[in-house]
Amino acid sequence: AGEAEQLSDHRFEIVAFDPDRAEGDGLDGWLAGRVDDDATDP
């Protein structure tokens, strides 16, 4: 994905996760940095 971004004309954020780790999978850190524990449906 990072290589593709370098070749692409479009910039985007890459959010990496580990599907074999239920807790702290990588998405957790990304979520905590943006929404903490707010699970309110928008």
ModelCIF file with pLDDT and N, C-alpha, C, O atoms, coordinates in Angstrom:
data_MODEL
#
_entry.id   MODEL 
#
_entity.id                         1 
_entity.type                       polymer 
_entity.pdbx_number_of_molecules   1 
#
_entity_poly.entity_id                      1 
_entity_poly.type                           'polypeptide(L)' 
_entity_poly.nstd_linkage                   no 
_entity_poly.nstd_monomer                   no 
_entity_poly.pdbx_seq_one_letter_code       AGEAEQLSDHRFEIVAFDPDRAEGDGLDGWLAGRVDDDATDP 
_entity_poly.pdbx_seq_one_letter_code_can   AGEAEQLSDHRFEIVAFDPDRAEGDGLDGWLAGRVDDDATDP 
_entity_poly.pdbx_strand_id                 A 
#
loop_
_entity_poly_seq.entity_id 
_entity_poly_seq.num 
_entity_poly_seq.mon_id 
_entity_poly_seq.hetero 
1 1  ALA n 
1 2  GLY n 
1 3  GLU n 
1 4  ALA n 
1 5  GLU n 
1 6  GLN n 
1 7  LEU n 
1 8  SER n 
1 9  ASP n 
1 10 HIS n 
1 11 ARG n 
1 12 PHE n 
1 13 GLU n 
1 14 ILE n 
1 15 VAL n 
1 16 ALA n 
1 17 PHE n 
1 18 ASP n 
1 19 PRO n 
1 20 ASP n 
1 21 ARG n 
1 22 ALA n 
1 23 GLU n 
1 24 GLY n 
1 25 ASP n 
1 26 GLY n 
1 27 LEU n 
1 28 ASP n 
1 29 GLY n 
1 30 TRP n 
1 31 LEU n 
1 32 ALA n 
1 33 GLY n 
1 34 ARG n 
1 35 VAL n 
1 36 ASP n 
1 37 ASP n 
1 38 ASP n 
1 39 ALA n 
1 40 THR n 
1 41 ASP n 
1 42 PRO n 
#
_struct_asym.id          A 
_struct_asym.entity_id   1 
#
loop_
_ma_qa_metric.id 
_ma_qa_metric.mode 
_ma_qa_metric.name 
_ma_qa_metric.software_group_id 
_ma_qa_metric.type 
1 global pLDDT . pLDDT 
2 local  pLDDT . pLDDT 
#
_ma_qa_metric_global.metric_id      1 
_ma_qa_metric_global.metric_value   86.93 
_ma_qa_metric_global.model_id       1 
_ma_qa_metric_global.ordinal_id     1 
#
loop_
_ma_qa_metric_local.label_asym_id 
_ma_qa_metric_local.label_comp_id 
_ma_qa_metric_local.label_seq_id 
_ma_qa_metric_local.metric_id 
_ma_qa_metric_local.metric_value 
_ma_qa_metric_local.model_id 
_ma_qa_metric_local.ordinal_id 
A ALA 1  2 97.00 1 1  
A GLY 2  2 97.00 1 2  
A GLU 3  2 98.00 1 3  
A ALA 4  2 97.00 1 4  
A GLU 5  2 97.00 1 5  
A GLN 6  2 97.00 1 6  
A LEU 7  2 97.00 1 7  
A SER 8  2 96.00 1 8  
A ASP 9  2 94.00 1 9  
A HIS 10 2 94.00 1 10 
A ARG 11 2 95.00 1 11 
A PHE 12 2 96.00 1 12 
A GLU 13 2 95.00 1 13 
A ILE 14 2 96.00 1 14 
A VAL 15 2 95.00 1 15 
A ALA 16 2 94.00 1 16 
A PHE 17 2 92.00 1 17 
A ASP 18 2 89.00 1 18 
A PRO 19 2 83.00 1 19 
A ASP 20 2 80.00 1 20 
A ARG 21 2 76.00 1 21 
A ALA 22 2 63.00 1 22 
A GLU 23 2 67.00 1 23 
A GLY 24 2 64.00 1 24 
A ASP 25 2 71.00 1 25 
A GLY 26 2 75.00 1 26 
A LEU 27 2 85.00 1 27 
A ASP 28 2 86.00 1 28 
A GLY 29 2 84.00 1 29 
A TRP 30 2 88.00 1 30 
A LEU 31 2 89.00 1 31 
A ALA 32 2 85.00 1 32 
A GLY 33 2 80.00 1 33 
A ARG 34 2 84.00 1 34 
A VAL 35 2 82.00 1 35 
A ASP 36 2 75.00 1 36 
A ASP 37 2 78.00 1 37 
A ASP 38 2 79.00 1 38 
A ALA 39 2 86.00 1 39 
A THR 40 2 90.00 1 40 
A ASP 41 2 92.00 1 41 
A PRO 42 2 93.00 1 42 
#
loop_
_atom_site.group_PDB 
_atom_site.id 
_atom_site.type_symbol 
_atom_site.label_atom_id 
_atom_site.label_alt_id 
_atom_site.label_comp_id 
_atom_site.label_asym_id 
_atom_site.label_entity_id 
_atom_site.label_seq_id 
_atom_site.pdbx_PDB_ins_code 
_atom_site.Cartn_x 
_atom_site.Cartn_y 
_atom_site.Cartn_z 
_atom_site.occupancy 
_atom_site.B_iso_or_equiv 
_atom_site.pdbx_formal_charge 
_atom_site.auth_seq_id 
_atom_site.auth_comp_id 
_atom_site.auth_asym_id 
_atom_site.auth_atom_id 
_atom_site.pdbx_PDB_model_num 
ATOM 1   N N  . ALA A 1 1  ? 0.844   -1.201  0.000  1.00 97.00 ? 1  ALA A N  1 
ATOM 2   C CA . ALA A 1 1  ? 0.000   0.000   0.000  1.00 97.00 ? 1  ALA A CA 1 
ATOM 3   C C  . ALA A 1 1  ? 0.878   1.249   0.000  1.00 97.00 ? 1  ALA A C  1 
ATOM 4   O O  . ALA A 1 1  ? 0.591   2.214   -0.708 1.00 97.00 ? 1  ALA A O  1 
ATOM 5   N N  . GLY A 1 2  ? 1.940   1.227   0.789  1.00 97.00 ? 2  GLY A N  1 
ATOM 6   C CA . GLY A 1 2  ? 2.885   2.346   0.814  1.00 97.00 ? 2  GLY A CA 1 
ATOM 7   C C  . GLY A 1 2  ? 3.583   2.537   -0.521 1.00 97.00 ? 2  GLY A C  1 
ATOM 8   O O  . GLY A 1 2  ? 3.759   3.667   -0.977 1.00 97.00 ? 2  GLY A O  1 
ATOM 9   N N  . GLU A 1 3  ? 3.984   1.437   -1.152 1.00 98.00 ? 3  GLU A N  1 
ATOM 10  C CA . GLU A 1 3  ? 4.596   1.520   -2.481 1.00 98.00 ? 3  GLU A CA 1 
ATOM 11  C C  . GLU A 1 3  ? 3.608   2.087   -3.493 1.00 98.00 ? 3  GLU A C  1 
ATOM 12  O O  . GLU A 1 3  ? 3.968   2.913   -4.331 1.00 98.00 ? 3  GLU A O  1 
ATOM 13  N N  . ALA A 1 4  ? 2.365   1.636   -3.407 1.00 97.00 ? 4  ALA A N  1 
ATOM 14  C CA . ALA A 1 4  ? 1.335   2.120   -4.324 1.00 97.00 ? 4  ALA A CA 1 
ATOM 15  C C  . ALA A 1 4  ? 1.108   3.613   -4.141 1.00 97.00 ? 4  ALA A C  1 
ATOM 16  O O  . ALA A 1 4  ? 0.883   4.331   -5.115 1.00 97.00 ? 4  ALA A O  1 
ATOM 17  N N  . GLU A 1 5  ? 1.164   4.083   -2.904 1.00 97.00 ? 5  GLU A N  1 
ATOM 18  C CA . GLU A 1 5  ? 0.983   5.521   -2.674 1.00 97.00 ? 5  GLU A CA 1 
ATOM 19  C C  . GLU A 1 5  ? 2.097   6.321   -3.345 1.00 97.00 ? 5  GLU A C  1 
ATOM 20  O O  . GLU A 1 5  ? 1.849   7.391   -3.901 1.00 97.00 ? 5  GLU A O  1 
ATOM 21  N N  . GLN A 1 6  ? 3.312   5.805   -3.291 1.00 97.00 ? 6  GLN A N  1 
ATOM 22  C CA . GLN A 1 6  ? 4.430   6.503   -3.933 1.00 97.00 ? 6  GLN A CA 1 
ATOM 23  C C  . GLN A 1 6  ? 4.266   6.551   -5.451 1.00 97.00 ? 6  GLN A C  1 
ATOM 24  O O  . GLN A 1 6  ? 4.719   7.500   -6.092 1.00 97.00 ? 6  GLN A O  1 
ATOM 25  N N  . LEU A 1 7  ? 3.632   5.552   -6.021 1.00 97.00 ? 7  LEU A N  1 
ATOM 26  C CA . LEU A 1 7  ? 3.420   5.486   -7.476 1.00 97.00 ? 7  LEU A CA 1 
ATOM 27  C C  . LEU A 1 7  ? 2.149   6.207   -7.914 1.00 97.00 ? 7  LEU A C  1 
ATOM 28  O O  . LEU A 1 7  ? 1.966   6.500   -9.096 1.00 97.00 ? 7  LEU A O  1 
ATOM 29  N N  . SER A 1 8  ? 1.289   6.486   -6.967 1.00 96.00 ? 8  SER A N  1 
ATOM 30  C CA . SER A 1 8  ? -0.016  7.065   -7.248 1.00 96.00 ? 8  SER A CA 1 
ATOM 31  C C  . SER A 1 8  ? 0.052   8.588   -7.281 1.00 96.00 ? 8  SER A C  1 
ATOM 32  O O  . SER A 1 8  ? 0.934   9.201   -6.681 1.00 96.00 ? 8  SER A O  1 
ATOM 33  N N  . ASP A 1 9  ? -0.892  9.176   -7.990 1.00 94.00 ? 9  ASP A N  1 
ATOM 34  C CA . ASP A 1 9  ? -1.050  10.630  -7.973 1.00 94.00 ? 9  ASP A CA 1 
ATOM 35  C C  . ASP A 1 9  ? -1.890  11.064  -6.783 1.00 94.00 ? 9  ASP A C  1 
ATOM 36  O O  . ASP A 1 9  ? -2.029  12.261  -6.532 1.00 94.00 ? 9  ASP A O  1 
ATOM 37  N N  . HIS A 1 10 ? -2.446  10.122  -6.055 1.00 94.00 ? 10 HIS A N  1 
ATOM 38  C CA . HIS A 1 10 ? -3.382  10.390  -4.962 1.00 94.00 ? 10 HIS A CA 1 
ATOM 39  C C  . HIS A 1 10 ? -2.726  10.075  -3.619 1.00 94.00 ? 10 HIS A C  1 
ATOM 40  O O  . HIS A 1 10 ? -2.091  9.030   -3.477 1.00 94.00 ? 10 HIS A O  1 
ATOM 41  N N  . ARG A 1 11 ? -2.868  10.951  -2.644 1.00 95.00 ? 11 ARG A N  1 
ATOM 42  C CA . ARG A 1 11 ? -2.341  10.725  -1.297 1.00 95.00 ? 11 ARG A CA 1 
ATOM 43  C C  . ARG A 1 11 ? -3.461  10.245  -0.381 1.00 95.00 ? 11 ARG A C  1 
ATOM 44  O O  . ARG A 1 11 ? -4.600  10.699  -0.489 1.00 95.00 ? 11 ARG A O  1 
ATOM 45  N N  . PHE A 1 12 ? -3.136  9.340   0.508  1.00 96.00 ? 12 PHE A N  1 
ATOM 46  C CA . PHE A 1 12 ? -4.112  8.754   1.413  1.00 96.00 ? 12 PHE A CA 1 
ATOM 47  C C  . PHE A 1 12 ? -3.415  8.289   2.672  1.00 96.00 ? 12 PHE A C  1 
ATOM 48  O O  . PHE A 1 12 ? -2.196  8.119   2.697  1.00 96.00 ? 12 PHE A O  1 
ATOM 49  N N  . GLU A 1 13 ? -4.194  8.087   3.710  1.00 95.00 ? 13 GLU A N  1 
ATOM 50  C CA . GLU A 1 13 ? -3.677  7.571   4.971  1.00 95.00 ? 13 GLU A CA 1 
ATOM 51  C C  . GLU A 1 13 ? -3.754  6.044   4.946  1.00 95.00 ? 13 GLU A C  1 
ATOM 52  O O  . GLU A 1 13 ? -4.759  5.472   4.524  1.00 95.00 ? 13 GLU A O  1 
ATOM 53  N N  . ILE A 1 14 ? -2.693  5.398   5.398  1.00 96.00 ? 14 ILE A N  1 
ATOM 54  C CA . ILE A 1 14 ? -2.682  3.937   5.519  1.00 96.00 ? 14 ILE A CA 1 
ATOM 55  C C  . ILE A 1 14 ? -2.887  3.585   6.987  1.00 96.00 ? 14 ILE A C  1 
ATOM 56  O O  . ILE A 1 14 ? -2.155  4.056   7.858  1.00 96.00 ? 14 ILE A O  1 
ATOM 57  N N  . VAL A 1 15 ? -3.883  2.756   7.250  1.00 95.00 ? 15 VAL A N  1 
ATOM 58  C CA . VAL A 1 15 ? -4.168  2.275   8.601  1.00 95.00 ? 15 VAL A CA 1 
ATOM 59  C C  . VAL A 1 15 ? -3.889  0.781   8.595  1.00 95.00 ? 15 VAL A C  1 
ATOM 60  O O  . VAL A 1 15 ? -4.631  0.007   7.989  1.00 95.00 ? 15 VAL A O  1 
ATOM 61  N N  . ALA A 1 16 ? -2.809  0.372   9.274  1.00 94.00 ? 16 ALA A N  1 
ATOM 62  C CA . ALA A 1 16 ? -2.411  -1.036  9.280  1.00 94.00 ? 16 ALA A CA 1 
ATOM 63  C C  . ALA A 1 16 ? -3.005  -1.755  10.487 1.00 94.00 ? 16 ALA A C  1 
ATOM 64  O O  . ALA A 1 16 ? -3.153  -1.178  11.564 1.00 94.00 ? 16 ALA A O  1 
ATOM 65  N N  . PHE A 1 17 ? -3.338  -3.015  10.286 1.00 92.00 ? 17 PHE A N  1 
ATOM 66  C CA . PHE A 1 17 ? -3.880  -3.825  11.376 1.00 92.00 ? 17 PHE A CA 1 
ATOM 67  C C  . PHE A 1 17 ? -3.394  -5.259  11.234 1.00 92.00 ? 17 PHE A C  1 
ATOM 68  O O  . PHE A 1 17 ? -2.959  -5.686  10.165 1.00 92.00 ? 17 PHE A O  1 
ATOM 69  N N  . ASP A 1 18 ? -3.479  -5.990  12.336 1.00 89.00 ? 18 ASP A N  1 
ATOM 70  C CA . ASP A 1 18 ? -3.118  -7.408  12.369 1.00 89.00 ? 18 ASP A CA 1 
ATOM 71  C C  . ASP A 1 18 ? -4.390  -8.210  12.618 1.00 89.00 ? 18 ASP A C  1 
ATOM 72  O O  . ASP A 1 18 ? -4.905  -8.196  13.736 1.00 89.00 ? 18 ASP A O  1 
ATOM 73  N N  . PRO A 1 19 ? -4.917  -8.915  11.605 1.00 83.00 ? 19 PRO A N  1 
ATOM 74  C CA . PRO A 1 19 ? -6.181  -9.641  11.774 1.00 83.00 ? 19 PRO A CA 1 
ATOM 75  C C  . PRO A 1 19 ? -6.102  -10.811 12.747 1.00 83.00 ? 19 PRO A C  1 
ATOM 76  O O  . PRO A 1 19 ? -7.134  -11.333 13.168 1.00 83.00 ? 19 PRO A O  1 
ATOM 77  N N  . ASP A 1 20 ? -4.910  -11.221 13.102 1.00 80.00 ? 20 ASP A N  1 
ATOM 78  C CA . ASP A 1 20 ? -4.771  -12.356 14.006 1.00 80.00 ? 20 ASP A CA 1 
ATOM 79  C C  . ASP A 1 20 ? -4.632  -11.934 15.471 1.00 80.00 ? 20 ASP A C  1 
ATOM 80  O O  . ASP A 1 20 ? -4.426  -12.771 16.350 1.00 80.00 ? 20 ASP A O  1 
ATOM 81  N N  . ARG A 1 21 ? -4.747  -10.642 15.720 1.00 76.00 ? 21 ARG A N  1 
ATOM 82  C CA . ARG A 1 21 ? -4.647  -10.128 17.081 1.00 76.00 ? 21 ARG A CA 1 
ATOM 83  C C  . ARG A 1 21 ? -5.918  -9.340  17.385 1.00 76.00 ? 21 ARG A C  1 
ATOM 84  O O  . ARG A 1 21 ? -6.049  -8.195  16.950 1.00 76.00 ? 21 ARG A O  1 
ATOM 85  N N  . ALA A 1 22 ? -6.832  -9.920  18.105 1.00 63.00 ? 22 ALA A N  1 
ATOM 86  C CA . ALA A 1 22 ? -8.133  -9.295  18.371 1.00 63.00 ? 22 ALA A CA 1 
ATOM 87  C C  . ALA A 1 22 ? -7.986  -8.017  19.191 1.00 63.00 ? 22 ALA A C  1 
ATOM 88  O O  . ALA A 1 22 ? -8.632  -7.016  18.883 1.00 63.00 ? 22 ALA A O  1 
ATOM 89  N N  . GLU A 1 23 ? -7.172  -8.032  20.201 1.00 67.00 ? 23 GLU A N  1 
ATOM 90  C CA . GLU A 1 23 ? -6.963  -6.847  21.041 1.00 67.00 ? 23 GLU A CA 1 
ATOM 91  C C  . GLU A 1 23 ? -5.724  -6.113  20.541 1.00 67.00 ? 23 GLU A C  1 
ATOM 92  O O  . GLU A 1 23 ? -4.699  -6.734  20.260 1.00 67.00 ? 23 GLU A O  1 
ATOM 93  N N  . GLY A 1 24 ? -5.819  -4.814  20.433 1.00 64.00 ? 24 GLY A N  1 
ATOM 94  C CA . GLY A 1 24 ? -4.668  -4.022  20.004 1.00 64.00 ? 24 GLY A CA 1 
ATOM 95  C C  . GLY A 1 24 ? -4.234  -4.369  18.599 1.00 64.00 ? 24 GLY A C  1 
ATOM 96  O O  . GLY A 1 24 ? -3.037  -4.458  18.324 1.00 64.00 ? 24 GLY A O  1 
ATOM 97  N N  . ASP A 1 25 ? -5.193  -4.570  17.698 1.00 71.00 ? 25 ASP A N  1 
ATOM 98  C CA . ASP A 1 25 ? -4.904  -5.040  16.347 1.00 71.00 ? 25 ASP A CA 1 
ATOM 99  C C  . ASP A 1 25 ? -4.303  -3.989  15.423 1.00 71.00 ? 25 ASP A C  1 
ATOM 100 O O  . ASP A 1 25 ? -3.976  -4.307  14.280 1.00 71.00 ? 25 ASP A O  1 
ATOM 101 N N  . GLY A 1 26 ? -4.146  -2.762  15.870 1.00 75.00 ? 26 GLY A N  1 
ATOM 102 C CA . GLY A 1 26 ? -3.668  -1.691  15.013 1.00 75.00 ? 26 GLY A CA 1 
ATOM 103 C C  . GLY A 1 26 ? -4.790  -0.706  14.743 1.00 75.00 ? 26 GLY A C  1 
ATOM 104 O O  . GLY A 1 26 ? -4.579  0.506   14.724 1.00 75.00 ? 26 GLY A O  1 
ATOM 105 N N  . LEU A 1 27 ? -5.973  -1.236  14.537 1.00 85.00 ? 27 LEU A N  1 
ATOM 106 C CA . LEU A 1 27 ? -7.132  -0.349  14.397 1.00 85.00 ? 27 LEU A CA 1 
ATOM 107 C C  . LEU A 1 27 ? -7.424  0.322   15.733 1.00 85.00 ? 27 LEU A C  1 
ATOM 108 O O  . LEU A 1 27 ? -7.901  1.456   15.764 1.00 85.00 ? 27 LEU A O  1 
ATOM 109 N N  . ASP A 1 28 ? -7.141  -0.370  16.842 1.00 86.00 ? 28 ASP A N  1 
ATOM 110 C CA . ASP A 1 28 ? -7.398  0.195   18.168 1.00 86.00 ? 28 ASP A CA 1 
ATOM 111 C C  . ASP A 1 28 ? -6.629  1.495   18.384 1.00 86.00 ? 28 ASP A C  1 
ATOM 112 O O  . ASP A 1 28 ? -7.186  2.469   18.890 1.00 86.00 ? 28 ASP A O  1 
ATOM 113 N N  . GLY A 1 29 ? -5.358  1.513   18.004 1.00 84.00 ? 29 GLY A N  1 
ATOM 114 C CA . GLY A 1 29 ? -4.555  2.721   18.158 1.00 84.00 ? 29 GLY A CA 1 
ATOM 115 C C  . GLY A 1 29 ? -5.065  3.848   17.285 1.00 84.00 ? 29 GLY A C  1 
ATOM 116 O O  . GLY A 1 29 ? -5.113  5.001   17.713 1.00 84.00 ? 29 GLY A O  1 
ATOM 117 N N  . TRP A 1 30 ? -5.443  3.518   16.069 1.00 88.00 ? 30 TRP A N  1 
ATOM 118 C CA . TRP A 1 30 ? -5.997  4.506   15.140 1.00 88.00 ? 30 TRP A CA 1 
ATOM 119 C C  . TRP A 1 30 ? -7.304  5.071   15.688 1.00 88.00 ? 30 TRP A C  1 
ATOM 120 O O  . TRP A 1 30 ? -7.537  6.279   15.632 1.00 88.00 ? 30 TRP A O  1 
ATOM 121 N N  . LEU A 1 31 ? -8.150  4.198   16.214 1.00 89.00 ? 31 LEU A N  1 
ATOM 122 C CA . LEU A 1 31 ? -9.423  4.642   16.784 1.00 89.00 ? 31 LEU A CA 1 
ATOM 123 C C  . LEU A 1 31 ? -9.198  5.515   18.018 1.00 89.00 ? 31 LEU A C  1 
ATOM 124 O O  . LEU A 1 31 ? -9.825  6.565   18.160 1.00 89.00 ? 31 LEU A O  1 
ATOM 125 N N  . ALA A 1 32 ? -8.305  5.083   18.907 1.00 85.00 ? 32 ALA A N  1 
ATOM 126 C CA . ALA A 1 32 ? -8.061  5.830   20.140 1.00 85.00 ? 32 ALA A CA 1 
ATOM 127 C C  . ALA A 1 32 ? -7.547  7.234   19.840 1.00 85.00 ? 32 ALA A C  1 
ATOM 128 O O  . ALA A 1 32 ? -7.853  8.176   20.570 1.00 85.00 ? 32 ALA A O  1 
ATOM 129 N N  . GLY A 1 33 ? -6.785  7.376   18.791 1.00 80.00 ? 33 GLY A N  1 
ATOM 130 C CA . GLY A 1 33 ? -6.249  8.683   18.426 1.00 80.00 ? 33 GLY A CA 1 
ATOM 131 C C  . GLY A 1 33 ? -7.288  9.612   17.836 1.00 80.00 ? 33 GLY A C  1 
ATOM 132 O O  . GLY A 1 33 ? -7.025  10.799  17.645 1.00 80.00 ? 33 GLY A O  1 
ATOM 133 N N  . ARG A 1 34 ? -8.478  9.080   17.543 1.00 84.00 ? 34 ARG A N  1 
ATOM 134 C CA . ARG A 1 34 ? -9.519  9.883   16.898 1.00 84.00 ? 34 ARG A CA 1 
ATOM 135 C C  . ARG A 1 34 ? -10.825 9.957   17.676 1.00 84.00 ? 34 ARG A C  1 
ATOM 136 O O  . ARG A 1 34 ? -11.452 11.015  17.720 1.00 84.00 ? 34 ARG A O  1 
ATOM 137 N N  . VAL A 1 35 ? -11.248 8.855   18.291 1.00 82.00 ? 35 VAL A N  1 
ATOM 138 C CA . VAL A 1 35 ? -12.588 8.835   18.895 1.00 82.00 ? 35 VAL A CA 1 
ATOM 139 C C  . VAL A 1 35 ? -12.640 8.246   20.299 1.00 82.00 ? 35 VAL A C  1 
ATOM 140 O O  . VAL A 1 35 ? -13.731 8.125   20.858 1.00 82.00 ? 35 VAL A O  1 
ATOM 141 N N  . ASP A 1 36 ? -11.536 7.885   20.877 1.00 75.00 ? 36 ASP A N  1 
ATOM 142 C CA . ASP A 1 36 ? -11.536 7.261   22.201 1.00 75.00 ? 36 ASP A CA 1 
ATOM 143 C C  . ASP A 1 36 ? -12.538 6.111   22.230 1.00 75.00 ? 36 ASP A C  1 
ATOM 144 O O  . ASP A 1 36 ? -12.498 5.245   21.356 1.00 75.00 ? 36 ASP A O  1 
ATOM 145 N N  . ASP A 1 37 ? -13.428 6.085   23.207 1.00 78.00 ? 37 ASP A N  1 
ATOM 146 C CA . ASP A 1 37 ? -14.377 4.976   23.324 1.00 78.00 ? 37 ASP A CA 1 
ATOM 147 C C  . ASP A 1 37 ? -15.776 5.355   22.865 1.00 78.00 ? 37 ASP A C  1 
ATOM 148 O O  . ASP A 1 37 ? -16.740 4.663   23.193 1.00 78.00 ? 37 ASP A O  1 
ATOM 149 N N  . ASP A 1 38 ? -15.902 6.441   22.112 1.00 79.00 ? 38 ASP A N  1 
ATOM 150 C CA . ASP A 1 38 ? -17.221 6.896   21.663 1.00 79.00 ? 38 ASP A CA 1 
ATOM 151 C C  . ASP A 1 38 ? -17.747 5.965   20.582 1.00 79.00 ? 38 ASP A C  1 
ATOM 152 O O  . ASP A 1 38 ? -17.289 5.996   19.440 1.00 79.00 ? 38 ASP A O  1 
ATOM 153 N N  . ALA A 1 39 ? -18.722 5.132   20.959 1.00 86.00 ? 39 ALA A N  1 
ATOM 154 C CA . ALA A 1 39 ? -19.316 4.180   20.012 1.00 86.00 ? 39 ALA A CA 1 
ATOM 155 C C  . ALA A 1 39 ? -20.710 4.628   19.601 1.00 86.00 ? 39 ALA A C  1 
ATOM 156 O O  . ALA A 1 39 ? -21.543 3.805   19.221 1.00 86.00 ? 39 ALA A O  1 
ATOM 157 N N  . THR A 1 40 ? -20.966 5.931   19.676 1.00 90.00 ? 40 THR A N  1 
ATOM 158 C CA . THR A 1 40 ? -22.252 6.458   19.253 1.00 90.00 ? 40 THR A CA 1 
ATOM 159 C C  . THR A 1 40 ? -22.343 6.399   17.730 1.00 90.00 ? 40 THR A C  1 
ATOM 160 O O  . THR A 1 40 ? -21.447 6.878   17.034 1.00 90.00 ? 40 THR A O  1 
ATOM 161 N N  . ASP A 1 41 ? -23.388 5.832   17.229 1.00 92.00 ? 41 ASP A N  1 
ATOM 162 C CA . ASP A 1 41 ? -23.615 5.743   15.785 1.00 92.00 ? 41 ASP A CA 1 
ATOM 163 C C  . ASP A 1 41 ? -23.829 7.158   15.246 1.00 92.00 ? 41 ASP A C  1 
ATOM 164 O O  . ASP A 1 41 ? -24.689 7.877   15.755 1.00 92.00 ? 41 ASP A O  1 
ATOM 165 N N  . PRO A 1 42 ? -23.067 7.577   14.228 1.00 93.00 ? 42 PRO A N  1 
ATOM 166 C CA . PRO A 1 42 ? -23.227 8.936   13.714 1.00 93.00 ? 42 PRO A CA 1 
ATOM 167 C C  . PRO A 1 42 ? -24.514 9.155   12.913 1.00 93.00 ? 42 PRO A C  1 
ATOM 168 O O  . PRO A 1 42 ? -24.759 10.260  12.430 1.00 93.00 ? 42 PRO A O  1 
#
